[in-house]
């Protein structure tokens, strides 16, 4: 280990500490870092810089790069993940809860608007 470059050691320690973090904690950290990077960089630059995070959280990462996502939906999804990690809700129930909110907030209003135009 003494012969390893300092940067390699830092990256390995960072990865090892992340492995002990919960998935929701890693997601929140990634969101904050990506949002900060997007203030000064293009989405393409951010995507290349955060390739590992993009692999771990592809849908969240995609959402962040659109820049017009609804933060409250992202927060609700993270809260459901935290509830799952704490054992307060099953993955199925969390998925149903998220799906219901998305249907109520996105799908139903779009159907209503389409019906008004018809």
PDB file of N, CA and C in Angstrom:
ATOM      1  N   UNK A   1       0.811  -1.194   0.000  1.00  0.00           N
ATOM      2  CA  UNK A   1       0.000   0.000   0.000  1.00  0.00           C
ATOM      3  C   UNK A   1       0.860   1.268   0.000  1.00  0.00           C
ATOM      4  N   UNK A   2       2.068   1.152   0.506  1.00  0.00           N
ATOM      5  CA  UNK A   2       2.946   2.314   0.557  1.00  0.00           C
ATOM      6  C   UNK A   2       3.303   2.826  -0.830  1.00  0.00           C
ATOM      7  N   UNK A   3       3.305   1.955  -1.818  1.00  0.00           N
ATOM      8  CA  UNK A   3       3.700   2.347  -3.165  1.00  0.00           C
ATOM      9  C   UNK A   3       2.554   2.926  -3.989  1.00  0.00           C
ATOM     10  N   UNK A   4       1.337   2.862  -3.478  1.00  0.00           N
ATOM     11  CA  UNK A   4       0.194   3.386  -4.233  1.00  0.00           C
ATOM     12  C   UNK A   4       0.232   4.907  -4.253  1.00  0.00           C
ATOM     13  N   UNK A   5      -0.120   5.482  -5.398  1.00  0.00           N
ATOM     14  CA  UNK A   5      -0.185   6.946  -5.452  1.00  0.00           C
ATOM     15  C   UNK A   5      -1.250   7.481  -4.484  1.00  0.00           C
ATOM     16  N   UNK A   6      -1.015   8.646  -3.957  1.00  0.00           N
ATOM     17  CA  UNK A   6      -1.924   9.231  -2.971  1.00  0.00           C
ATOM     18  C   UNK A   6      -3.345   9.382  -3.511  1.00  0.00           C
ATOM     19  N   UNK A   7      -3.486   9.754  -4.774  1.00  0.00           N
ATOM     20  CA  UNK A   7      -4.820   9.932  -5.354  1.00  0.00           C
ATOM     21  C   UNK A   7      -5.575   8.613  -5.387  1.00  0.00           C
ATOM     22  N   UNK A   8      -4.898   7.540  -5.750  1.00  0.00           N
ATOM     23  CA  UNK A   8      -5.528   6.225  -5.781  1.00  0.00           C
ATOM     24  C   UNK A   8      -6.007   5.836  -4.389  1.00  0.00           C
ATOM     25  N   UNK A   9      -5.198   6.092  -3.393  1.00  0.00           N
ATOM     26  CA  UNK A   9      -5.569   5.770  -2.008  1.00  0.00           C
ATOM     27  C   UNK A   9      -6.786   6.572  -1.586  1.00  0.00           C
ATOM     28  N   UNK A  10      -6.805   7.867  -1.909  1.00  0.00           N
ATOM     29  CA  UNK A  10      -7.959   8.708  -1.560  1.00  0.00           C
ATOM     30  C   UNK A  10      -9.227   8.185  -2.209  1.00  0.00           C
ATOM     31  N   UNK A  11      -9.140   7.830  -3.495  1.00  0.00           N
ATOM     32  CA  UNK A  11     -10.321   7.318  -4.200  1.00  0.00           C
ATOM     33  C   UNK A  11     -10.795   6.005  -3.595  1.00  0.00           C
ATOM     34  N   UNK A  12      -9.860   5.131  -3.245  1.00  0.00           N
ATOM     35  CA  UNK A  12     -10.238   3.853  -2.664  1.00  0.00           C
ATOM     36  C   UNK A  12     -10.895   4.045  -1.303  1.00  0.00           C
ATOM     37  N   UNK A  13     -10.359   4.914  -0.484  1.00  0.00           N
ATOM     38  CA  UNK A  13     -10.945   5.199   0.830  1.00  0.00           C
ATOM     39  C   UNK A  13     -12.337   5.790   0.656  1.00  0.00           C
ATOM     40  N   UNK A  14     -12.473   6.705  -0.300  1.00  0.00           N
ATOM     41  CA  UNK A  14     -13.776   7.323  -0.564  1.00  0.00           C
ATOM     42  C   UNK A  14     -14.787   6.256  -0.976  1.00  0.00           C
ATOM     43  N   UNK A  15     -14.396   5.354  -1.882  1.00  0.00           N
ATOM     44  CA  UNK A  15     -15.294   4.280  -2.314  1.00  0.00           C
ATOM     45  C   UNK A  15     -15.664   3.371  -1.157  1.00  0.00           C
ATOM     46  N   UNK A  16     -14.691   3.018  -0.319  1.00  0.00           N
ATOM     47  CA  UNK A  16     -14.963   2.140   0.815  1.00  0.00           C
ATOM     48  C   UNK A  16     -15.923   2.794   1.805  1.00  0.00           C
ATOM     49  N   UNK A  17     -15.751   4.090   2.027  1.00  0.00           N
ATOM     50  CA  UNK A  17     -16.660   4.771   2.953  1.00  0.00           C
ATOM     51  C   UNK A  17     -18.057   4.874   2.349  1.00  0.00           C
ATOM     52  N   UNK A  18     -18.140   5.045   1.040  1.00  0.00           N
ATOM     53  CA  UNK A  18     -19.441   5.099   0.387  1.00  0.00           C
ATOM     54  C   UNK A  18     -20.148   3.759   0.450  1.00  0.00           C
ATOM     55  N   UNK A  19     -19.394   2.684   0.416  1.00  0.00           N
ATOM     56  CA  UNK A  19     -20.011   1.364   0.465  1.00  0.00           C
ATOM     57  C   UNK A  19     -20.707   1.141   1.803  1.00  0.00           C
ATOM     58  N   UNK A  20     -20.229   1.792   2.863  1.00  0.00           N
ATOM     59  CA  UNK A  20     -20.868   1.633   4.165  1.00  0.00           C
ATOM     60  C   UNK A  20     -22.052   2.591   4.320  1.00  0.00           C
ATOM     61  N   UNK A  21     -22.174   3.566   3.448  1.00  0.00           N
ATOM     62  CA  UNK A  21     -23.300   4.503   3.473  1.00  0.00           C
ATOM     63  C   UNK A  21     -24.553   3.817   2.958  1.00  0.00           C
ATOM     64  N   UNK A  22     -25.676   4.336   3.381  1.00  0.00           N
ATOM     65  CA  UNK A  22     -26.935   3.835   2.836  1.00  0.00           C
ATOM     66  C   UNK A  22     -27.091   4.347   1.407  1.00  0.00           C
ATOM     67  N   UNK A  23     -27.919   3.661   0.656  1.00  0.00           N
ATOM     68  CA  UNK A  23     -28.162   4.070  -0.724  1.00  0.00           C
ATOM     69  C   UNK A  23     -28.784   5.459  -0.770  1.00  0.00           C
ATOM     70  N   UNK A  24     -29.685   5.745   0.158  1.00  0.00           N
ATOM     71  CA  UNK A  24     -30.316   7.069   0.166  1.00  0.00           C
ATOM     72  C   UNK A  24     -29.302   8.161   0.479  1.00  0.00           C
ATOM     73  N   UNK A  25     -28.354   7.880   1.363  1.00  0.00           N
ATOM     74  CA  UNK A  25     -27.316   8.875   1.680  1.00  0.00           C
ATOM     75  C   UNK A  25     -26.428   9.122   0.470  1.00  0.00           C
ATOM     76  N   UNK A  26     -26.072   8.047  -0.240  1.00  0.00           N
ATOM     77  CA  UNK A  26     -25.271   8.215  -1.462  1.00  0.00           C
ATOM     78  C   UNK A  26     -26.042   8.993  -2.514  1.00  0.00           C
ATOM     79  N   UNK A  27     -27.340   8.707  -2.638  1.00  0.00           N
ATOM     80  CA  UNK A  27     -28.163   9.419  -3.619  1.00  0.00           C
ATOM     81  C   UNK A  27     -28.236  10.902  -3.280  1.00  0.00           C
ATOM     82  N   UNK A  28     -28.474  11.216  -2.016  1.00  0.00           N
ATOM     83  CA  UNK A  28     -28.553  12.634  -1.610  1.00  0.00           C
ATOM     84  C   UNK A  28     -27.237  13.362  -1.853  1.00  0.00           C
ATOM     85  N   UNK A  29     -26.125  12.694  -1.554  1.00  0.00           N
ATOM     86  CA  UNK A  29     -24.813  13.310  -1.780  1.00  0.00           C
ATOM     87  C   UNK A  29     -24.593  13.537  -3.281  1.00  0.00           C
ATOM     88  N   UNK A  30     -24.961  12.553  -4.089  1.00  0.00           N
ATOM     89  CA  UNK A  30     -24.802  12.673  -5.534  1.00  0.00           C
ATOM     90  C   UNK A  30     -25.659  13.809  -6.072  1.00  0.00           C
ATOM     91  N   UNK A  31     -26.884  13.910  -5.605  1.00  0.00           N
ATOM     92  CA  UNK A  31     -27.786  14.972  -6.064  1.00  0.00           C
ATOM     93  C   UNK A  31     -27.186  16.335  -5.771  1.00  0.00           C
ATOM     94  N   UNK A  32     -26.699  16.515  -4.556  1.00  0.00           N
ATOM     95  CA  UNK A  32     -26.105  17.809  -4.177  1.00  0.00           C
ATOM     96  C   UNK A  32     -24.883  18.125  -5.035  1.00  0.00           C
ATOM     97  N   UNK A  33     -24.038  17.130  -5.264  1.00  0.00           N
ATOM     98  CA  UNK A  33     -22.830  17.351  -6.062  1.00  0.00           C
ATOM     99  C   UNK A  33     -23.163  17.648  -7.523  1.00  0.00           C
ATOM    100  N   UNK A  34     -24.113  16.928  -8.080  1.00  0.00           N
ATOM    101  CA  UNK A  34     -24.493  17.143  -9.479  1.00  0.00           C
ATOM    102  C   UNK A  34     -25.173  18.503  -9.640  1.00  0.00           C
ATOM    103  N   UNK A  35     -26.069  18.843  -8.726  1.00  0.00           N
ATOM    104  CA  UNK A  35     -26.719  20.157  -8.817  1.00  0.00           C
ATOM    105  C   UNK A  35     -25.694  21.283  -8.740  1.00  0.00           C
ATOM    106  N   UNK A  36     -24.697  21.125  -7.884  1.00  0.00           N
ATOM    107  CA  UNK A  36     -23.636  22.132  -7.771  1.00  0.00           C
ATOM    108  C   UNK A  36     -22.831  22.198  -9.072  1.00  0.00           C
ATOM    109  N   UNK A  37     -22.483  21.059  -9.619  1.00  0.00           N
ATOM    110  CA  UNK A  37     -21.693  21.026 -10.858  1.00  0.00           C
ATOM    111  C   UNK A  37     -22.456  21.652 -12.016  1.00  0.00           C
ATOM    112  N   UNK A  38     -23.766  21.441 -12.052  1.00  0.00           N
ATOM    113  CA  UNK A  38     -24.569  21.975 -13.160  1.00  0.00           C
ATOM    114  C   UNK A  38     -24.650  23.497 -13.153  1.00  0.00           C
ATOM    115  N   UNK A  39     -24.270  24.112 -12.066  1.00  0.00           N
ATOM    116  CA  UNK A  39     -24.261  25.586 -12.021  1.00  0.00           C
ATOM    117  C   UNK A  39     -23.186  26.173 -12.928  1.00  0.00           C
ATOM    118  N   UNK A  40     -22.109  25.382 -13.135  1.00  0.00           N
ATOM    119  CA  UNK A  40     -20.973  25.905 -13.907  1.00  0.00           C
ATOM    120  C   UNK A  40     -20.590  25.050 -15.112  1.00  0.00           C
ATOM    121  N   UNK A  41     -21.203  23.889 -15.254  1.00  0.00           N
ATOM    122  CA  UNK A  41     -20.819  22.982 -16.323  1.00  0.00           C
ATOM    123  C   UNK A  41     -22.040  22.580 -17.141  1.00  0.00           C
ATOM    124  N   UNK A  42     -21.798  22.136 -18.348  1.00  0.00           N
ATOM    125  CA  UNK A  42     -22.885  21.649 -19.196  1.00  0.00           C
ATOM    126  C   UNK A  42     -23.311  20.259 -18.715  1.00  0.00           C
ATOM    127  N   UNK A  43     -24.517  19.844 -19.070  1.00  0.00           N
ATOM    128  CA  UNK A  43     -24.929  18.483 -18.715  1.00  0.00           C
ATOM    129  C   UNK A  43     -23.968  17.413 -19.234  1.00  0.00           C
ATOM    130  N   UNK A  44     -23.419  17.594 -20.410  1.00  0.00           N
ATOM    131  CA  UNK A  44     -22.476  16.611 -20.969  1.00  0.00           C
ATOM    132  C   UNK A  44     -21.206  16.535 -20.118  1.00  0.00           C
ATOM    133  N   UNK A  45     -20.702  17.681 -19.667  1.00  0.00           N
ATOM    134  CA  UNK A  45     -19.514  17.685 -18.816  1.00  0.00           C
ATOM    135  C   UNK A  45     -19.801  16.990 -17.486  1.00  0.00           C
ATOM    136  N   UNK A  46     -20.964  17.281 -16.923  1.00  0.00           N
ATOM    137  CA  UNK A  46     -21.346  16.671 -15.647  1.00  0.00           C
ATOM    138  C   UNK A  46     -21.501  15.164 -15.816  1.00  0.00           C
ATOM    139  N   UNK A  47     -22.120  14.746 -16.903  1.00  0.00           N
ATOM    140  CA  UNK A  47     -22.323  13.316 -17.150  1.00  0.00           C
ATOM    141  C   UNK A  47     -20.991  12.577 -17.242  1.00  0.00           C
ATOM    142  N   UNK A  48     -20.010  13.185 -17.883  1.00  0.00           N
ATOM    143  CA  UNK A  48     -18.717  12.510 -18.000  1.00  0.00           C
ATOM    144  C   UNK A  48     -17.963  12.507 -16.673  1.00  0.00           C
ATOM    145  N   UNK A  49     -18.156  13.534 -15.878  1.00  0.00           N
ATOM    146  CA  UNK A  49     -17.452  13.636 -14.595  1.00  0.00           C
ATOM    147  C   UNK A  49     -18.055  12.715 -13.532  1.00  0.00           C
ATOM    148  N   UNK A  50     -19.335  12.430 -13.625  1.00  0.00           N
ATOM    149  CA  UNK A  50     -20.036  11.633 -12.623  1.00  0.00           C
ATOM    150  C   UNK A  50     -20.491  10.294 -13.209  1.00  0.00           C
ATOM    151  N   UNK A  51     -19.620   9.633 -13.940  1.00  0.00           N
ATOM    152  CA  UNK A  51     -20.023   8.398 -14.620  1.00  0.00           C
ATOM    153  C   UNK A  51     -20.383   7.283 -13.639  1.00  0.00           C
ATOM    154  N   UNK A  52     -19.670   7.159 -12.528  1.00  0.00           N
ATOM    155  CA  UNK A  52     -19.992   6.112 -11.555  1.00  0.00           C
ATOM    156  C   UNK A  52     -21.368   6.359 -10.933  1.00  0.00           C
ATOM    157  N   UNK A  53     -21.638   7.600 -10.582  1.00  0.00           N
ATOM    158  CA  UNK A  53     -22.923   7.942  -9.987  1.00  0.00           C
ATOM    159  C   UNK A  53     -24.057   7.737 -10.990  1.00  0.00           C
ATOM    160  N   UNK A  54     -23.759   8.022 -12.239  1.00  0.00           N
ATOM    161  CA  UNK A  54     -24.753   7.847 -13.293  1.00  0.00           C
ATOM    162  C   UNK A  54     -25.106   6.367 -13.438  1.00  0.00           C
ATOM    163  N   UNK A  55     -24.141   5.503 -13.240  1.00  0.00           N
ATOM    164  CA  UNK A  55     -24.396   4.065 -13.317  1.00  0.00           C
ATOM    165  C   UNK A  55     -25.211   3.582 -12.114  1.00  0.00           C
ATOM    166  N   UNK A  56     -24.915   4.120 -10.934  1.00  0.00           N
ATOM    167  CA  UNK A  56     -25.623   3.677  -9.733  1.00  0.00           C
ATOM    168  C   UNK A  56     -27.056   4.204  -9.677  1.00  0.00           C
ATOM    169  N   UNK A  57     -27.255   5.446 -10.120  1.00  0.00           N
ATOM    170  CA  UNK A  57     -28.571   6.086 -10.044  1.00  0.00           C
ATOM    171  C   UNK A  57     -28.977   6.625 -11.416  1.00  0.00           C
ATOM    172  N   UNK A  58     -29.173   5.765 -12.398  1.00  0.00           N
ATOM    173  CA  UNK A  58     -29.405   6.252 -13.765  1.00  0.00           C
ATOM    174  C   UNK A  58     -30.641   7.133 -13.910  1.00  0.00           C
ATOM    175  N   UNK A  59     -31.737   6.768 -13.303  1.00  0.00           N
ATOM    176  CA  UNK A  59     -32.975   7.550 -13.463  1.00  0.00           C
ATOM    177  C   UNK A  59     -32.881   8.886 -12.735  1.00  0.00           C
ATOM    178  N   UNK A  60     -32.322   8.880 -11.540  1.00  0.00           N
ATOM    179  CA  UNK A  60     -32.162  10.138 -10.802  1.00  0.00           C
ATOM    180  C   UNK A  60     -31.209  11.050 -11.561  1.00  0.00           C
ATOM    181  N   UNK A  61     -30.117  10.470 -12.062  1.00  0.00           N
ATOM    182  CA  UNK A  61     -29.142  11.268 -12.798  1.00  0.00           C
ATOM    183  C   UNK A  61     -29.770  11.886 -14.034  1.00  0.00           C
ATOM    184  N   UNK A  62     -30.541  11.089 -14.751  1.00  0.00           N
ATOM    185  CA  UNK A  62     -31.238  11.588 -15.948  1.00  0.00           C
ATOM    186  C   UNK A  62     -32.173  12.736 -15.571  1.00  0.00           C
ATOM    187  N   UNK A  63     -32.876  12.578 -14.455  1.00  0.00           N
ATOM    188  CA  UNK A  63     -33.792  13.612 -13.989  1.00  0.00           C
ATOM    189  C   UNK A  63     -33.032  14.911 -13.698  1.00  0.00           C
ATOM    190  N   UNK A  64     -31.891  14.799 -13.040  1.00  0.00           N
ATOM    191  CA  UNK A  64     -31.102  15.981 -12.687  1.00  0.00           C
ATOM    192  C   UNK A  64     -30.609  16.725 -13.921  1.00  0.00           C
ATOM    193  N   UNK A  65     -30.253  16.000 -14.950  1.00  0.00           N
ATOM    194  CA  UNK A  65     -29.724  16.644 -16.154  1.00  0.00           C
ATOM    195  C   UNK A  65     -30.787  17.368 -16.962  1.00  0.00           C
ATOM    196  N   UNK A  66     -32.063  17.080 -16.723  1.00  0.00           N
ATOM    197  CA  UNK A  66     -33.106  17.782 -17.461  1.00  0.00           C
ATOM    198  C   UNK A  66     -33.264  19.213 -16.964  1.00  0.00           C
ATOM    199  N   UNK A  67     -32.819  19.469 -15.750  1.00  0.00           N
ATOM    200  CA  UNK A  67     -32.858  20.802 -15.119  1.00  0.00           C
ATOM    201  C   UNK A  67     -34.262  21.339 -14.866  1.00  0.00           C
ATOM    202  N   UNK A  68     -35.303  20.689 -15.337  1.00  0.00           N
ATOM    203  CA  UNK A  68     -36.648  21.202 -15.075  1.00  0.00           C
ATOM    204  C   UNK A  68     -37.486  20.165 -14.332  1.00  0.00           C
ATOM    205  N   UNK A  69     -36.801  19.287 -13.601  1.00  0.00           N
ATOM    206  CA  UNK A  69     -37.520  18.265 -12.860  1.00  0.00           C
ATOM    207  C   UNK A  69     -38.189  18.881 -11.630  1.00  0.00           C
ATOM    208  N   UNK A  70     -39.167  18.171 -11.127  1.00  0.00           N
ATOM    209  CA  UNK A  70     -39.865  18.660  -9.942  1.00  0.00           C
ATOM    210  C   UNK A  70     -39.189  18.100  -8.705  1.00  0.00           C
ATOM    211  N   UNK A  71     -38.538  18.968  -7.978  1.00  0.00           N
ATOM    212  CA  UNK A  71     -37.744  18.584  -6.796  1.00  0.00           C
ATOM    213  C   UNK A  71     -38.586  17.836  -5.767  1.00  0.00           C
ATOM    214  N   UNK A  72     -39.861  18.189  -5.641  1.00  0.00           N
ATOM    215  CA  UNK A  72     -40.699  17.537  -4.624  1.00  0.00           C
ATOM    216  C   UNK A  72     -40.903  16.057  -4.938  1.00  0.00           C
ATOM    217  N   UNK A  73     -40.915  15.681  -6.219  1.00  0.00           N
ATOM    218  CA  UNK A  73     -41.031  14.274  -6.571  1.00  0.00           C
ATOM    219  C   UNK A  73     -39.761  13.517  -6.195  1.00  0.00           C
ATOM    220  N   UNK A  74     -38.640  14.127  -6.480  1.00  0.00           N
ATOM    221  CA  UNK A  74     -37.362  13.515  -6.132  1.00  0.00           C
ATOM    222  C   UNK A  74     -37.259  13.331  -4.622  1.00  0.00           C
ATOM    223  N   UNK A  75     -37.633  14.326  -3.881  1.00  0.00           N
ATOM    224  CA  UNK A  75     -37.588  14.251  -2.418  1.00  0.00           C
ATOM    225  C   UNK A  75     -38.517  13.151  -1.899  1.00  0.00           C
ATOM    226  N   UNK A  76     -39.699  13.046  -2.465  1.00  0.00           N
ATOM    227  CA  UNK A  76     -40.652  12.019  -2.053  1.00  0.00           C
ATOM    228  C   UNK A  76     -40.086  10.624  -2.321  1.00  0.00           C
ATOM    229  N   UNK A  77     -39.416  10.440  -3.461  1.00  0.00           N
ATOM    230  CA  UNK A  77     -38.816   9.152  -3.772  1.00  0.00           C
ATOM    231  C   UNK A  77     -37.694   8.812  -2.788  1.00  0.00           C
ATOM    232  N   UNK A  78     -36.888   9.804  -2.446  1.00  0.00           N
ATOM    233  CA  UNK A  78     -35.811   9.577  -1.489  1.00  0.00           C
ATOM    234  C   UNK A  78     -36.357   9.241  -0.107  1.00  0.00           C
ATOM    235  N   UNK A  79     -37.426   9.883   0.277  1.00  0.00           N
ATOM    236  CA  UNK A  79     -38.043   9.581   1.569  1.00  0.00           C
ATOM    237  C   UNK A  79     -38.566   8.152   1.599  1.00  0.00           C
ATOM    238  N   UNK A  80     -39.139   7.696   0.494  1.00  0.00           N
ATOM    239  CA  UNK A  80     -39.616   6.313   0.435  1.00  0.00           C
ATOM    240  C   UNK A  80     -38.432   5.337   0.521  1.00  0.00           C
ATOM    241  N   UNK A  81     -37.337   5.658  -0.120  1.00  0.00           N
ATOM    242  CA  UNK A  81     -36.139   4.824  -0.043  1.00  0.00           C
ATOM    243  C   UNK A  81     -35.641   4.755   1.397  1.00  0.00           C
ATOM    244  N   UNK A  82     -35.627   5.886   2.084  1.00  0.00           N
ATOM    245  CA  UNK A  82     -35.196   5.912   3.481  1.00  0.00           C
ATOM    246  C   UNK A  82     -36.133   5.092   4.366  1.00  0.00           C
ATOM    247  N   UNK A  83     -37.413   5.152   4.080  1.00  0.00           N
ATOM    248  CA  UNK A  83     -38.375   4.344   4.838  1.00  0.00           C
ATOM    249  C   UNK A  83     -38.137   2.858   4.598  1.00  0.00           C
ATOM    250  N   UNK A  84     -37.794   2.496   3.374  1.00  0.00           N
ATOM    251  CA  UNK A  84     -37.473   1.094   3.074  1.00  0.00           C
ATOM    252  C   UNK A  84     -36.215   0.657   3.829  1.00  0.00           C
ATOM    253  N   UNK A  85     -35.188   1.503   3.791  1.00  0.00           N
ATOM    254  CA  UNK A  85     -33.934   1.179   4.471  1.00  0.00           C
ATOM    255  C   UNK A  85     -34.138   1.013   5.978  1.00  0.00           C
ATOM    256  N   UNK A  86     -35.074   1.764   6.534  1.00  0.00           N
ATOM    257  CA  UNK A  86     -35.357   1.687   7.967  1.00  0.00           C
ATOM    258  C   UNK A  86     -36.296   0.528   8.301  1.00  0.00           C
ATOM    259  N   UNK A  87     -36.801  -0.147   7.266  1.00  0.00           N
ATOM    260  CA  UNK A  87     -37.697  -1.270   7.489  1.00  0.00           C
ATOM    261  C   UNK A  87     -39.121  -0.874   7.827  1.00  0.00           C
ATOM    262  N   UNK A  88     -39.479   0.383   7.567  1.00  0.00           N
ATOM    263  CA  UNK A  88     -40.826   0.853   7.889  1.00  0.00           C
ATOM    264  C   UNK A  88     -41.823   0.588   6.769  1.00  0.00           C
ATOM    265  N   UNK A  89     -41.326   0.267   5.577  1.00  0.00           N
ATOM    266  CA  UNK A  89     -42.202   0.011   4.439  1.00  0.00           C
ATOM    267  C   UNK A  89     -41.495  -0.969   3.503  1.00  0.00           C
ATOM    268  N   UNK A  90     -42.270  -1.806   2.840  1.00  0.00           N
ATOM    269  CA  UNK A  90     -41.683  -2.751   1.885  1.00  0.00           C
ATOM    270  C   UNK A  90     -41.383  -2.030   0.572  1.00  0.00           C
ATOM    271  N   UNK A  91     -40.560  -2.659  -0.253  1.00  0.00           N
ATOM    272  CA  UNK A  91     -40.249  -2.076  -1.557  1.00  0.00           C
ATOM    273  C   UNK A  91     -41.522  -1.950  -2.385  1.00  0.00           C
ATOM    274  N   UNK A  92     -42.368  -2.948  -2.313  1.00  0.00           N
ATOM    275  CA  UNK A  92     -43.627  -2.913  -3.066  1.00  0.00           C
ATOM    276  C   UNK A  92     -44.483  -1.725  -2.625  1.00  0.00           C
ATOM    277  N   UNK A  93     -44.678  -1.571  -1.319  1.00  0.00           N
ATOM    278  CA  UNK A  93     -45.519  -0.481  -0.822  1.00  0.00           C
ATOM    279  C   UNK A  93     -44.936   0.889  -1.149  1.00  0.00           C
ATOM    280  N   UNK A  94     -43.605   1.009  -1.079  1.00  0.00           N
ATOM    281  CA  UNK A  94     -42.966   2.273  -1.437  1.00  0.00           C
ATOM    282  C   UNK A  94     -43.167   2.570  -2.916  1.00  0.00           C
ATOM    283  N   UNK A  95     -43.032   1.557  -3.737  1.00  0.00           N
ATOM    284  CA  UNK A  95     -43.230   1.725  -5.174  1.00  0.00           C
ATOM    285  C   UNK A  95     -44.657   2.136  -5.485  1.00  0.00           C
ATOM    286  N   UNK A  96     -45.612   1.508  -4.819  1.00  0.00           N
ATOM    287  CA  UNK A  96     -47.023   1.853  -5.017  1.00  0.00           C
ATOM    288  C   UNK A  96     -47.278   3.296  -4.599  1.00  0.00           C
ATOM    289  N   UNK A  97     -46.710   3.712  -3.472  1.00  0.00           N
ATOM    290  CA  UNK A  97     -46.906   5.079  -2.985  1.00  0.00           C
ATOM    291  C   UNK A  97     -46.342   6.098  -3.979  1.00  0.00           C
ATOM    292  N   UNK A  98     -45.146   5.848  -4.482  1.00  0.00           N
ATOM    293  CA  UNK A  98     -44.533   6.746  -5.461  1.00  0.00           C
ATOM    294  C   UNK A  98     -45.367   6.781  -6.735  1.00  0.00           C
ATOM    295  N   UNK A  99     -45.755   5.613  -7.199  1.00  0.00           N
ATOM    296  CA  UNK A  99     -46.563   5.539  -8.415  1.00  0.00           C
ATOM    297  C   UNK A  99     -47.879   6.283  -8.289  1.00  0.00           C
ATOM    298  N   UNK A 100     -48.519   6.181  -7.138  1.00  0.00           N
ATOM    299  CA  UNK A 100     -49.796   6.854  -6.925  1.00  0.00           C
ATOM    300  C   UNK A 100     -49.643   8.370  -6.980  1.00  0.00           C
ATOM    301  N   UNK A 101     -48.599   8.876  -6.359  1.00  0.00           N
ATOM    302  CA  UNK A 101     -48.359  10.322  -6.396  1.00  0.00           C
ATOM    303  C   UNK A 101     -48.105  10.780  -7.823  1.00  0.00           C
ATOM    304  N   UNK A 102     -47.302  10.033  -8.559  1.00  0.00           N
ATOM    305  CA  UNK A 102     -47.004  10.417  -9.940  1.00  0.00           C
ATOM    306  C   UNK A 102     -48.257  10.377 -10.812  1.00  0.00           C
ATOM    307  N   UNK A 103     -49.086   9.363 -10.622  1.00  0.00           N
ATOM    308  CA  UNK A 103     -50.342   9.288 -11.378  1.00  0.00           C
ATOM    309  C   UNK A 103     -51.233  10.479 -11.034  1.00  0.00           C
ATOM    310  N   UNK A 104     -51.387  10.754  -9.746  1.00  0.00           N
ATOM    311  CA  UNK A 104     -52.256  11.855  -9.312  1.00  0.00           C
ATOM    312  C   UNK A 104     -51.752  13.216  -9.770  1.00  0.00           C
ATOM    313  N   UNK A 105     -50.437  13.398  -9.754  1.00  0.00           N
ATOM    314  CA  UNK A 105     -49.859  14.715 -10.033  1.00  0.00           C
ATOM    315  C   UNK A 105     -49.497  14.948 -11.500  1.00  0.00           C
ATOM    316  N   UNK A 106     -49.265  13.876 -12.248  1.00  0.00           N
ATOM    317  CA  UNK A 106     -48.834  14.049 -13.638  1.00  0.00           C
ATOM    318  C   UNK A 106     -49.846  13.466 -14.623  1.00  0.00           C
ATOM    319  N   UNK A 107     -50.176  12.209 -14.458  1.00  0.00           N
ATOM    320  CA  UNK A 107     -51.006  11.525 -15.443  1.00  0.00           C
ATOM    321  C   UNK A 107     -52.436  12.059 -15.455  1.00  0.00           C
ATOM    322  N   UNK A 108     -53.072  12.105 -14.295  1.00  0.00           N
ATOM    323  CA  UNK A 108     -54.469  12.544 -14.245  1.00  0.00           C
ATOM    324  C   UNK A 108     -54.655  13.971 -14.764  1.00  0.00           C
ATOM    325  N   UNK A 109     -53.803  14.924 -14.388  1.00  0.00           N
ATOM    326  CA  UNK A 109     -53.959  16.273 -14.962  1.00  0.00           C
ATOM    327  C   UNK A 109     -53.794  16.298 -16.487  1.00  0.00           C
ATOM    328  N   UNK A 110     -52.892  15.471 -17.013  1.00  0.00           N
ATOM    329  CA  UNK A 110     -52.720  15.420 -18.471  1.00  0.00           C
ATOM    330  C   UNK A 110     -53.957  14.842 -19.149  1.00  0.00           C
ATOM    331  N   UNK A 111     -54.551  13.844 -18.543  1.00  0.00           N
ATOM    332  CA  UNK A 111     -55.785  13.265 -19.101  1.00  0.00           C
ATOM    333  C   UNK A 111     -56.893  14.291 -19.062  1.00  0.00           C
ATOM    334  N   UNK A 112     -56.998  14.990 -17.954  1.00  0.00           N
ATOM    335  CA  UNK A 112     -58.045  16.012 -17.816  1.00  0.00           C
ATOM    336  C   UNK A 112     -57.876  17.111 -18.859  1.00  0.00           C
ATOM    337  N   UNK A 113     -56.638  17.551 -19.077  1.00  0.00           N
ATOM    338  CA  UNK A 113     -56.367  18.585 -20.091  1.00  0.00           C
ATOM    339  C   UNK A 113     -56.688  18.088 -21.490  1.00  0.00           C
ATOM    340  N   UNK A 114     -56.361  16.845 -21.773  1.00  0.00           N
ATOM    341  CA  UNK A 114     -56.643  16.270 -23.082  1.00  0.00           C
ATOM    342  C   UNK A 114     -58.148  16.172 -23.323  1.00  0.00           C
ATOM    343  N   UNK A 115     -58.903  15.853 -22.290  1.00  0.00           N
ATOM    344  CA  UNK A 115     -60.341  15.742 -22.411  1.00  0.00           C
ATOM    345  C   UNK A 115     -60.990  17.116 -22.646  1.00  0.00           C
ATOM    346  N   UNK A 116     -60.431  18.142 -22.018  1.00  0.00           N
ATOM    347  CA  UNK A 116     -60.953  19.492 -22.213  1.00  0.00           C
ATOM    348  C   UNK A 116     -60.735  19.967 -23.640  1.00  0.00           C
ATOM    349  N   UNK A 117     -59.596  19.582 -24.237  1.00  0.00           N
ATOM    350  CA  UNK A 117     -59.283  19.999 -25.606  1.00  0.00           C
ATOM    351  C   UNK A 117     -60.099  19.246 -26.643  1.00  0.00           C
ATOM    352  N   UNK A 118     -60.554  18.066 -26.273  1.00  0.00           N
ATOM    353  CA  UNK A 118     -61.300  17.229 -27.242  1.00  0.00           C
ATOM    354  C   UNK A 118     -62.726  17.656 -27.417  1.00  0.00           C
TER     355      UNK A 118
END
